[in-house]
Amino acid sequence: MSQILIPDFDSSKSLLFQDLYFVRKKSMVHTTVIEAVCTVCQKGLDDGMSVTAKRIGPNLRLFCQYHIPQE
């Protein structure tokens, strides 16, 4: 509960506002999230695998602990 007392220049008059609710406009969040899965076997964190990102040329690829290429 919130209250705001607004006194007037004349001390005999004042306003009291009670139960004010200040409504904020909700902002929409736009995202392009995809699940991180291995590009070889398509297994991810839900399957108990650790997924690592590795840059191969200009592309970024995701690999599990069993399919990560050696240098």
N, C-alpha and C. Protein backbone atom coordinates (compact mmCIF):
# COMPACT_ATOMS: atom_id res chain seq x y z
N MET A 1 0.85 -1.17 0.00
CA MET A 1 0.00 0.00 0.00
C MET A 1 0.90 1.23 0.00
N SER A 2 0.53 2.20 -0.77
CA SER A 2 1.30 3.43 -0.81
C SER A 2 0.38 4.61 -0.61
N GLN A 3 0.92 5.64 -0.02
CA GLN A 3 0.17 6.86 0.22
C GLN A 3 1.00 8.06 -0.20
N ILE A 4 0.35 9.05 -0.76
CA ILE A 4 1.01 10.30 -1.10
C ILE A 4 0.17 11.44 -0.55
N LEU A 5 0.78 12.29 0.24
CA LEU A 5 0.11 13.46 0.79
C LEU A 5 0.59 14.68 0.03
N ILE A 6 -0.34 15.38 -0.59
CA ILE A 6 0.01 16.56 -1.36
C ILE A 6 -0.57 17.78 -0.64
N PRO A 7 0.29 18.52 0.05
CA PRO A 7 -0.22 19.71 0.74
C PRO A 7 -0.44 20.84 -0.25
N ASP A 8 -1.42 21.62 0.02
CA ASP A 8 -1.72 22.78 -0.82
C ASP A 8 -1.09 24.01 -0.17
N PHE A 9 -1.09 25.11 -0.86
CA PHE A 9 -0.52 26.33 -0.29
C PHE A 9 -1.33 26.76 0.93
N ASP A 10 -2.61 26.55 0.88
CA ASP A 10 -3.46 26.82 2.02
C ASP A 10 -3.42 25.58 2.92
N SER A 11 -3.06 25.73 4.17
CA SER A 11 -2.89 24.58 5.06
C SER A 11 -4.20 23.90 5.39
N SER A 12 -5.33 24.50 5.08
CA SER A 12 -6.61 23.86 5.38
C SER A 12 -6.98 22.84 4.31
N LYS A 13 -6.32 22.89 3.14
CA LYS A 13 -6.65 21.95 2.07
C LYS A 13 -5.43 21.08 1.79
N SER A 14 -5.64 19.80 1.76
CA SER A 14 -4.58 18.88 1.36
C SER A 14 -5.25 17.65 0.75
N LEU A 15 -4.52 16.97 -0.07
CA LEU A 15 -5.04 15.77 -0.73
C LEU A 15 -4.27 14.56 -0.24
N LEU A 16 -4.96 13.47 -0.04
CA LEU A 16 -4.33 12.23 0.35
C LEU A 16 -4.76 11.16 -0.64
N PHE A 17 -3.78 10.61 -1.35
CA PHE A 17 -4.04 9.53 -2.30
C PHE A 17 -3.59 8.23 -1.65
N GLN A 18 -4.47 7.22 -1.67
CA GLN A 18 -4.14 5.94 -1.08
C GLN A 18 -4.24 4.83 -2.12
N ASP A 19 -3.51 3.76 -1.87
CA ASP A 19 -3.54 2.56 -2.71
C ASP A 19 -3.28 2.88 -4.17
N LEU A 20 -2.16 3.53 -4.41
CA LEU A 20 -1.78 3.85 -5.77
C LEU A 20 -0.98 2.70 -6.36
N TYR A 21 -1.26 2.36 -7.56
CA TYR A 21 -0.53 1.33 -8.28
C TYR A 21 0.05 1.96 -9.53
N PHE A 22 1.35 1.99 -9.61
CA PHE A 22 2.03 2.57 -10.76
C PHE A 22 2.32 1.43 -11.73
N VAL A 23 1.66 1.47 -12.85
CA VAL A 23 1.78 0.40 -13.83
C VAL A 23 2.91 0.74 -14.79
N ARG A 24 3.84 -0.21 -14.94
CA ARG A 24 4.93 -0.04 -15.89
C ARG A 24 4.62 -0.89 -17.11
N LYS A 25 4.99 -0.37 -18.24
CA LYS A 25 4.80 -1.11 -19.47
C LYS A 25 5.82 -2.26 -19.50
N LYS A 26 5.34 -3.48 -19.73
CA LYS A 26 6.23 -4.63 -19.77
C LYS A 26 6.99 -4.62 -21.09
N SER A 27 8.26 -4.85 -20.99
CA SER A 27 9.07 -4.89 -22.21
C SER A 27 9.13 -6.33 -22.71
N MET A 28 8.98 -6.50 -23.99
CA MET A 28 9.04 -7.82 -24.60
C MET A 28 10.50 -8.18 -24.87
N VAL A 29 10.88 -9.36 -24.50
CA VAL A 29 12.25 -9.84 -24.72
C VAL A 29 12.23 -10.76 -25.93
N HIS A 30 13.01 -10.41 -26.93
CA HIS A 30 13.13 -11.24 -28.12
C HIS A 30 14.47 -11.95 -28.07
N THR A 31 14.46 -13.24 -28.29
CA THR A 31 15.69 -14.02 -28.21
C THR A 31 15.73 -15.06 -29.32
N THR A 32 16.91 -15.46 -29.66
CA THR A 32 17.09 -16.51 -30.65
C THR A 32 17.97 -17.60 -30.04
N VAL A 33 17.50 -18.18 -28.97
CA VAL A 33 18.26 -19.18 -28.23
C VAL A 33 17.95 -20.57 -28.79
N ILE A 34 19.00 -21.35 -28.99
CA ILE A 34 18.84 -22.74 -29.38
C ILE A 34 19.64 -23.59 -28.41
N GLU A 35 19.27 -24.85 -28.30
CA GLU A 35 19.96 -25.74 -27.37
C GLU A 35 21.35 -26.07 -27.90
N ALA A 36 22.34 -26.11 -27.01
CA ALA A 36 23.71 -26.44 -27.39
C ALA A 36 23.84 -27.95 -27.47
N VAL A 37 23.96 -28.46 -28.70
CA VAL A 37 24.11 -29.90 -28.92
C VAL A 37 25.32 -30.14 -29.82
N CYS A 38 25.86 -31.34 -29.75
CA CYS A 38 27.01 -31.74 -30.57
C CYS A 38 26.59 -31.79 -32.03
N THR A 39 27.43 -31.29 -32.94
CA THR A 39 27.10 -31.32 -34.36
C THR A 39 27.22 -32.71 -34.95
N VAL A 40 27.91 -33.63 -34.28
CA VAL A 40 28.09 -34.98 -34.80
C VAL A 40 26.97 -35.91 -34.32
N CYS A 41 26.77 -35.99 -33.00
CA CYS A 41 25.83 -36.97 -32.46
C CYS A 41 24.52 -36.36 -31.96
N GLN A 42 24.40 -35.05 -31.97
CA GLN A 42 23.18 -34.34 -31.54
C GLN A 42 22.83 -34.57 -30.08
N LYS A 43 23.81 -34.87 -29.24
CA LYS A 43 23.57 -35.01 -27.80
C LYS A 43 24.01 -33.73 -27.11
N GLY A 44 23.29 -33.39 -26.03
CA GLY A 44 23.58 -32.14 -25.34
C GLY A 44 23.65 -32.29 -23.85
N LEU A 45 23.41 -31.20 -23.15
CA LEU A 45 23.51 -31.18 -21.69
C LEU A 45 22.46 -32.05 -21.03
N ASP A 46 21.28 -32.18 -21.65
CA ASP A 46 20.23 -33.02 -21.08
C ASP A 46 20.63 -34.50 -21.06
N ASP A 47 21.53 -34.89 -21.96
CA ASP A 47 21.99 -36.27 -22.04
C ASP A 47 23.21 -36.52 -21.16
N GLY A 48 23.64 -35.54 -20.39
CA GLY A 48 24.79 -35.69 -19.51
C GLY A 48 26.12 -35.46 -20.20
N MET A 49 26.10 -34.85 -21.38
CA MET A 49 27.33 -34.58 -22.12
C MET A 49 27.79 -33.14 -21.85
N SER A 50 29.09 -32.93 -21.89
CA SER A 50 29.60 -31.56 -21.86
C SER A 50 29.79 -31.12 -23.31
N VAL A 51 29.40 -29.90 -23.61
CA VAL A 51 29.46 -29.39 -24.97
C VAL A 51 30.47 -28.24 -25.01
N THR A 52 31.37 -28.29 -25.99
CA THR A 52 32.43 -27.29 -26.14
C THR A 52 32.33 -26.67 -27.52
N ALA A 53 32.50 -25.35 -27.60
CA ALA A 53 32.50 -24.65 -28.88
C ALA A 53 33.93 -24.59 -29.42
N LYS A 54 34.07 -24.84 -30.71
CA LYS A 54 35.39 -24.82 -31.34
C LYS A 54 35.24 -24.14 -32.69
N ARG A 55 36.14 -23.21 -32.99
CA ARG A 55 36.11 -22.51 -34.27
C ARG A 55 36.88 -23.32 -35.30
N ILE A 56 36.18 -23.67 -36.37
CA ILE A 56 36.78 -24.40 -37.49
C ILE A 56 36.60 -23.51 -38.72
N GLY A 57 37.70 -22.90 -39.13
CA GLY A 57 37.61 -21.92 -40.22
C GLY A 57 36.83 -20.72 -39.75
N PRO A 58 35.89 -20.21 -40.55
CA PRO A 58 35.09 -19.06 -40.12
C PRO A 58 33.88 -19.45 -39.27
N ASN A 59 33.60 -20.74 -39.14
CA ASN A 59 32.39 -21.21 -38.45
C ASN A 59 32.69 -21.65 -37.03
N LEU A 60 31.69 -21.54 -36.17
CA LEU A 60 31.77 -22.00 -34.79
C LEU A 60 30.94 -23.27 -34.69
N ARG A 61 31.56 -24.35 -34.27
CA ARG A 61 30.89 -25.65 -34.16
C ARG A 61 30.87 -26.09 -32.71
N LEU A 62 29.87 -26.88 -32.34
CA LEU A 62 29.74 -27.41 -31.00
C LEU A 62 30.01 -28.90 -31.02
N PHE A 63 30.84 -29.36 -30.07
CA PHE A 63 31.21 -30.77 -30.00
C PHE A 63 31.06 -31.28 -28.57
N CYS A 64 30.68 -32.56 -28.43
CA CYS A 64 30.63 -33.18 -27.11
C CYS A 64 32.04 -33.64 -26.74
N GLN A 65 32.17 -34.19 -25.55
CA GLN A 65 33.50 -34.59 -25.08
C GLN A 65 34.09 -35.75 -25.88
N TYR A 66 33.26 -36.50 -26.60
CA TYR A 66 33.74 -37.65 -27.37
C TYR A 66 34.09 -37.30 -28.82
N HIS A 67 33.53 -36.21 -29.35
CA HIS A 67 33.73 -35.89 -30.76
C HIS A 67 34.55 -34.63 -31.00
N ILE A 68 35.14 -34.05 -29.98
CA ILE A 68 35.93 -32.83 -30.17
C ILE A 68 37.19 -33.16 -30.97
N PRO A 69 37.45 -32.46 -32.06
CA PRO A 69 38.62 -32.78 -32.88
C PRO A 69 39.91 -32.31 -32.21
N GLN A 70 40.95 -33.07 -32.43
CA GLN A 70 42.27 -32.72 -31.91
C GLN A 70 42.96 -31.81 -32.92
N GLU A 71 43.82 -30.95 -32.47
CA GLU A 71 44.51 -29.99 -33.34
C GLU A 71 45.57 -30.66 -34.18
